[in-house]
């Protein structure tokens, strides 16, 4: 590996902004985070990155799904473009 061209790689804590939970992992962001943005986890200080969604708040992982679209796709299409009449209707 060529020296001096790759970003630093080290431990980082990612904080879920929705739940406040922390995920500690390794990332190339470690060398680019301000020294004032840190958090202590089990007596170890890590740079922290605030993120919108993690495994702690994503509906797939939590099992708590959110209904975003309450009407069906066909109803939304018909509402937006109107029901068409003509040759397509005779076959139904």
N, C-alpha and C. Protein backbone atom coordinates (compact mmCIF):
# COMPACT_ATOMS: atom_id res chain seq x y z
N UNK A 1 0.85 -1.18 0.00
CA UNK A 1 0.00 0.00 0.00
C UNK A 1 0.89 1.24 0.00
N UNK A 2 0.58 2.18 -0.83
CA UNK A 2 1.36 3.40 -0.96
C UNK A 2 1.15 4.28 0.27
N UNK A 3 2.22 4.76 0.85
CA UNK A 3 2.17 5.57 2.06
C UNK A 3 1.77 7.01 1.74
N UNK A 4 0.98 7.62 2.65
CA UNK A 4 0.66 9.03 2.57
C UNK A 4 -0.52 9.41 1.68
N UNK A 5 -1.16 8.44 1.02
CA UNK A 5 -2.28 8.80 0.16
C UNK A 5 -3.62 8.34 0.71
N UNK A 6 -3.61 7.47 1.70
CA UNK A 6 -4.85 6.93 2.24
C UNK A 6 -5.27 7.69 3.50
N UNK A 7 -6.58 7.88 3.69
CA UNK A 7 -7.04 8.59 4.90
C UNK A 7 -6.82 7.73 6.14
N UNK A 8 -6.73 8.41 7.28
CA UNK A 8 -6.59 7.69 8.55
C UNK A 8 -7.79 6.82 8.83
N UNK A 9 -7.57 5.71 9.52
CA UNK A 9 -8.64 4.75 9.81
C UNK A 9 -8.58 4.43 11.29
N UNK A 10 -9.67 4.72 12.00
CA UNK A 10 -9.64 4.49 13.43
C UNK A 10 -11.03 4.38 14.02
N UNK A 11 -11.11 4.18 15.33
CA UNK A 11 -12.40 4.02 15.99
C UNK A 11 -13.20 5.33 16.03
N UNK A 12 -14.51 5.20 15.79
CA UNK A 12 -15.43 6.34 15.78
C UNK A 12 -16.74 5.88 16.40
N UNK A 13 -17.41 6.78 17.12
CA UNK A 13 -18.75 6.49 17.65
C UNK A 13 -19.76 7.24 16.79
N UNK A 14 -20.74 6.51 16.28
CA UNK A 14 -21.83 7.12 15.52
C UNK A 14 -23.03 7.20 16.45
N UNK A 15 -23.57 8.43 16.63
CA UNK A 15 -24.71 8.65 17.53
C UNK A 15 -25.98 8.83 16.71
N UNK A 16 -27.00 8.02 17.03
CA UNK A 16 -28.30 8.10 16.37
C UNK A 16 -29.02 9.33 16.90
N UNK A 17 -29.35 10.29 16.02
CA UNK A 17 -30.00 11.51 16.49
C UNK A 17 -31.43 11.27 16.94
N UNK A 18 -32.07 10.19 16.48
CA UNK A 18 -33.45 9.90 16.88
C UNK A 18 -33.52 9.25 18.26
N UNK A 19 -32.58 8.34 18.57
CA UNK A 19 -32.65 7.59 19.82
C UNK A 19 -31.55 7.94 20.81
N UNK A 20 -30.45 8.51 20.34
CA UNK A 20 -29.34 8.82 21.21
C UNK A 20 -28.39 7.65 21.42
N UNK A 21 -28.69 6.49 20.83
CA UNK A 21 -27.83 5.32 20.98
C UNK A 21 -26.53 5.51 20.22
N UNK A 22 -25.48 4.81 20.68
CA UNK A 22 -24.16 4.90 20.06
C UNK A 22 -23.77 3.57 19.43
N UNK A 23 -23.11 3.65 18.29
CA UNK A 23 -22.53 2.49 17.62
C UNK A 23 -21.05 2.81 17.45
N UNK A 24 -20.19 2.00 18.07
CA UNK A 24 -18.75 2.22 17.96
C UNK A 24 -18.20 1.27 16.90
N UNK A 25 -17.52 1.84 15.92
CA UNK A 25 -16.94 1.06 14.83
C UNK A 25 -15.68 1.78 14.35
N UNK A 26 -15.10 1.31 13.27
CA UNK A 26 -13.93 1.96 12.71
C UNK A 26 -14.32 2.65 11.41
N UNK A 27 -13.70 3.81 11.15
CA UNK A 27 -14.06 4.58 9.97
C UNK A 27 -12.91 5.48 9.55
N UNK A 28 -12.92 5.89 8.30
CA UNK A 28 -11.94 6.86 7.82
C UNK A 28 -12.30 8.27 8.27
N UNK A 29 -13.46 8.44 8.87
CA UNK A 29 -13.84 9.75 9.41
C UNK A 29 -13.05 10.09 10.68
N UNK A 30 -12.40 9.11 11.26
CA UNK A 30 -11.71 9.30 12.54
C UNK A 30 -10.73 10.47 12.51
N UNK A 31 -10.00 10.63 11.44
CA UNK A 31 -9.01 11.69 11.36
C UNK A 31 -9.56 13.04 10.96
N UNK A 32 -10.83 13.10 10.58
CA UNK A 32 -11.41 14.35 10.07
C UNK A 32 -12.42 14.99 11.00
N UNK A 33 -12.60 14.45 12.19
CA UNK A 33 -13.59 14.98 13.14
C UNK A 33 -12.90 15.94 14.10
N UNK A 34 -13.57 17.04 14.42
CA UNK A 34 -13.02 18.03 15.35
C UNK A 34 -12.72 17.37 16.69
N UNK A 35 -11.65 17.81 17.33
CA UNK A 35 -11.25 17.24 18.62
C UNK A 35 -12.28 17.53 19.71
N UNK A 36 -13.07 18.59 19.56
CA UNK A 36 -14.07 18.93 20.58
C UNK A 36 -15.30 18.02 20.51
N UNK A 37 -15.48 17.31 19.42
CA UNK A 37 -16.66 16.43 19.26
C UNK A 37 -16.27 15.01 19.66
N UNK A 38 -16.32 14.73 20.95
CA UNK A 38 -15.98 13.41 21.46
C UNK A 38 -17.05 12.93 22.42
N UNK A 39 -17.02 11.62 22.69
CA UNK A 39 -17.93 11.01 23.64
C UNK A 39 -17.17 9.89 24.36
N UNK A 40 -17.47 9.69 25.64
CA UNK A 40 -16.84 8.62 26.41
C UNK A 40 -17.75 7.40 26.42
N UNK A 41 -17.21 6.26 26.02
CA UNK A 41 -17.93 4.99 26.04
C UNK A 41 -17.07 3.99 26.80
N UNK A 42 -17.57 3.53 27.94
CA UNK A 42 -16.85 2.56 28.78
C UNK A 42 -15.44 3.04 29.12
N UNK A 43 -15.29 4.32 29.41
CA UNK A 43 -14.01 4.88 29.81
C UNK A 43 -13.06 5.20 28.68
N UNK A 44 -13.47 5.01 27.45
CA UNK A 44 -12.64 5.31 26.29
C UNK A 44 -13.27 6.48 25.54
N UNK A 45 -12.45 7.44 25.14
CA UNK A 45 -12.94 8.62 24.42
C UNK A 45 -12.85 8.37 22.92
N UNK A 46 -13.99 8.59 22.23
CA UNK A 46 -14.06 8.40 20.78
C UNK A 46 -14.54 9.70 20.13
N UNK A 47 -14.08 9.98 18.91
CA UNK A 47 -14.71 11.06 18.14
C UNK A 47 -16.13 10.62 17.80
N UNK A 48 -17.07 11.57 17.76
CA UNK A 48 -18.47 11.21 17.55
C UNK A 48 -19.01 11.87 16.28
N UNK A 49 -19.84 11.11 15.54
CA UNK A 49 -20.51 11.59 14.34
C UNK A 49 -22.00 11.40 14.57
N UNK A 50 -22.79 12.47 14.42
CA UNK A 50 -24.24 12.37 14.56
C UNK A 50 -24.85 11.98 13.21
N UNK A 51 -25.67 10.92 13.22
CA UNK A 51 -26.31 10.45 11.99
C UNK A 51 -27.82 10.39 12.21
N UNK A 52 -28.58 10.43 11.12
CA UNK A 52 -30.04 10.43 11.20
C UNK A 52 -30.61 9.06 11.51
N UNK A 53 -30.08 8.01 10.88
CA UNK A 53 -30.65 6.67 11.02
C UNK A 53 -29.53 5.66 11.27
N UNK A 54 -29.74 4.81 12.26
CA UNK A 54 -28.84 3.68 12.51
C UNK A 54 -29.69 2.44 12.69
N UNK A 55 -29.04 1.36 13.06
CA UNK A 55 -29.75 0.11 13.32
C UNK A 55 -30.73 0.27 14.48
N UNK A 56 -30.51 1.25 15.35
CA UNK A 56 -31.37 1.46 16.51
C UNK A 56 -32.68 2.18 16.17
N UNK A 57 -32.75 2.85 15.02
CA UNK A 57 -33.97 3.59 14.69
C UNK A 57 -34.57 3.23 13.33
N UNK A 58 -33.90 2.43 12.52
CA UNK A 58 -34.43 2.09 11.20
C UNK A 58 -35.59 1.10 11.35
N UNK A 59 -36.72 1.35 10.68
CA UNK A 59 -37.90 0.49 10.83
C UNK A 59 -37.64 -0.98 10.49
N UNK A 60 -36.75 -1.27 9.56
CA UNK A 60 -36.47 -2.66 9.21
C UNK A 60 -35.87 -3.41 10.40
N UNK A 61 -34.96 -2.78 11.12
CA UNK A 61 -34.28 -3.44 12.23
C UNK A 61 -35.08 -3.39 13.52
N UNK A 62 -35.89 -2.36 13.71
CA UNK A 62 -36.64 -2.25 14.96
C UNK A 62 -37.94 -3.03 14.91
N UNK A 63 -38.45 -3.32 13.72
CA UNK A 63 -39.72 -4.02 13.60
C UNK A 63 -40.91 -3.10 13.73
N UNK A 64 -40.67 -1.84 13.94
CA UNK A 64 -41.74 -0.85 14.05
C UNK A 64 -41.82 -0.08 12.75
N UNK A 65 -42.60 -0.58 11.83
CA UNK A 65 -42.73 0.07 10.53
C UNK A 65 -43.59 1.31 10.61
N UNK A 66 -43.31 2.25 9.74
CA UNK A 66 -44.11 3.46 9.66
C UNK A 66 -44.86 3.43 8.34
N UNK A 67 -46.13 3.79 8.40
CA UNK A 67 -46.93 3.86 7.19
C UNK A 67 -46.73 5.25 6.60
N UNK A 68 -46.07 5.30 5.48
CA UNK A 68 -45.81 6.57 4.83
C UNK A 68 -46.89 6.86 3.80
N UNK A 69 -47.29 5.85 3.04
CA UNK A 69 -48.29 6.01 1.99
C UNK A 69 -49.56 5.31 2.44
N UNK A 70 -50.57 6.08 2.84
CA UNK A 70 -51.79 5.48 3.37
C UNK A 70 -52.76 5.06 2.28
N UNK A 71 -52.62 5.61 1.09
CA UNK A 71 -53.50 5.19 0.01
C UNK A 71 -52.71 4.34 -0.97
N UNK A 72 -53.39 3.46 -1.67
CA UNK A 72 -52.72 2.57 -2.60
C UNK A 72 -52.16 3.28 -3.81
N UNK A 73 -51.29 2.61 -4.51
CA UNK A 73 -50.66 3.20 -5.69
C UNK A 73 -51.67 3.46 -6.80
N UNK A 74 -52.61 2.54 -6.98
CA UNK A 74 -53.61 2.72 -8.04
C UNK A 74 -54.48 3.92 -7.73
N UNK A 75 -54.92 4.05 -6.48
CA UNK A 75 -55.75 5.18 -6.10
C UNK A 75 -55.01 6.50 -6.28
N UNK A 76 -53.73 6.52 -5.92
CA UNK A 76 -52.94 7.74 -6.07
C UNK A 76 -52.79 8.10 -7.54
N UNK A 77 -52.58 7.08 -8.38
CA UNK A 77 -52.46 7.33 -9.82
C UNK A 77 -53.76 7.88 -10.39
N UNK A 78 -54.88 7.25 -10.01
CA UNK A 78 -56.18 7.71 -10.51
C UNK A 78 -56.51 9.11 -10.02
N UNK A 79 -56.15 9.42 -8.79
CA UNK A 79 -56.39 10.75 -8.26
C UNK A 79 -55.56 11.78 -9.02
N UNK A 80 -54.32 11.44 -9.32
CA UNK A 80 -53.43 12.37 -9.99
C UNK A 80 -53.78 12.56 -11.46
N UNK A 81 -54.06 11.46 -12.16
CA UNK A 81 -54.26 11.53 -13.61
C UNK A 81 -55.70 11.29 -14.04
N UNK A 82 -56.55 10.91 -13.13
CA UNK A 82 -57.95 10.65 -13.46
C UNK A 82 -58.14 9.28 -14.08
N UNK A 83 -59.35 8.77 -13.97
CA UNK A 83 -59.65 7.45 -14.54
C UNK A 83 -59.84 7.62 -16.05
N UNK A 84 -59.19 6.77 -16.81
CA UNK A 84 -59.31 6.83 -18.27
C UNK A 84 -60.51 6.02 -18.71
N UNK A 85 -61.19 6.50 -19.70
CA UNK A 85 -62.29 5.75 -20.28
C UNK A 85 -61.94 5.42 -21.72
N UNK A 86 -62.52 4.37 -22.22
CA UNK A 86 -62.24 4.02 -23.61
C UNK A 86 -62.06 2.53 -23.77
N UNK A 87 -61.18 2.12 -24.67
CA UNK A 87 -61.00 0.72 -25.03
C UNK A 87 -60.55 -0.13 -23.85
N UNK A 88 -59.77 0.43 -22.94
CA UNK A 88 -59.29 -0.34 -21.80
C UNK A 88 -60.40 -0.75 -20.85
N UNK A 89 -61.45 0.03 -20.77
CA UNK A 89 -62.55 -0.25 -19.86
C UNK A 89 -63.39 -1.45 -20.31
N UNK A 90 -63.49 -1.69 -21.62
CA UNK A 90 -64.34 -2.76 -22.13
C UNK A 90 -63.81 -4.13 -21.74
N UNK A 91 -62.53 -4.25 -21.60
CA UNK A 91 -61.94 -5.55 -21.28
C UNK A 91 -62.05 -5.94 -19.83
N UNK A 92 -62.52 -5.08 -18.97
CA UNK A 92 -62.55 -5.37 -17.53
C UNK A 92 -63.78 -6.08 -17.12
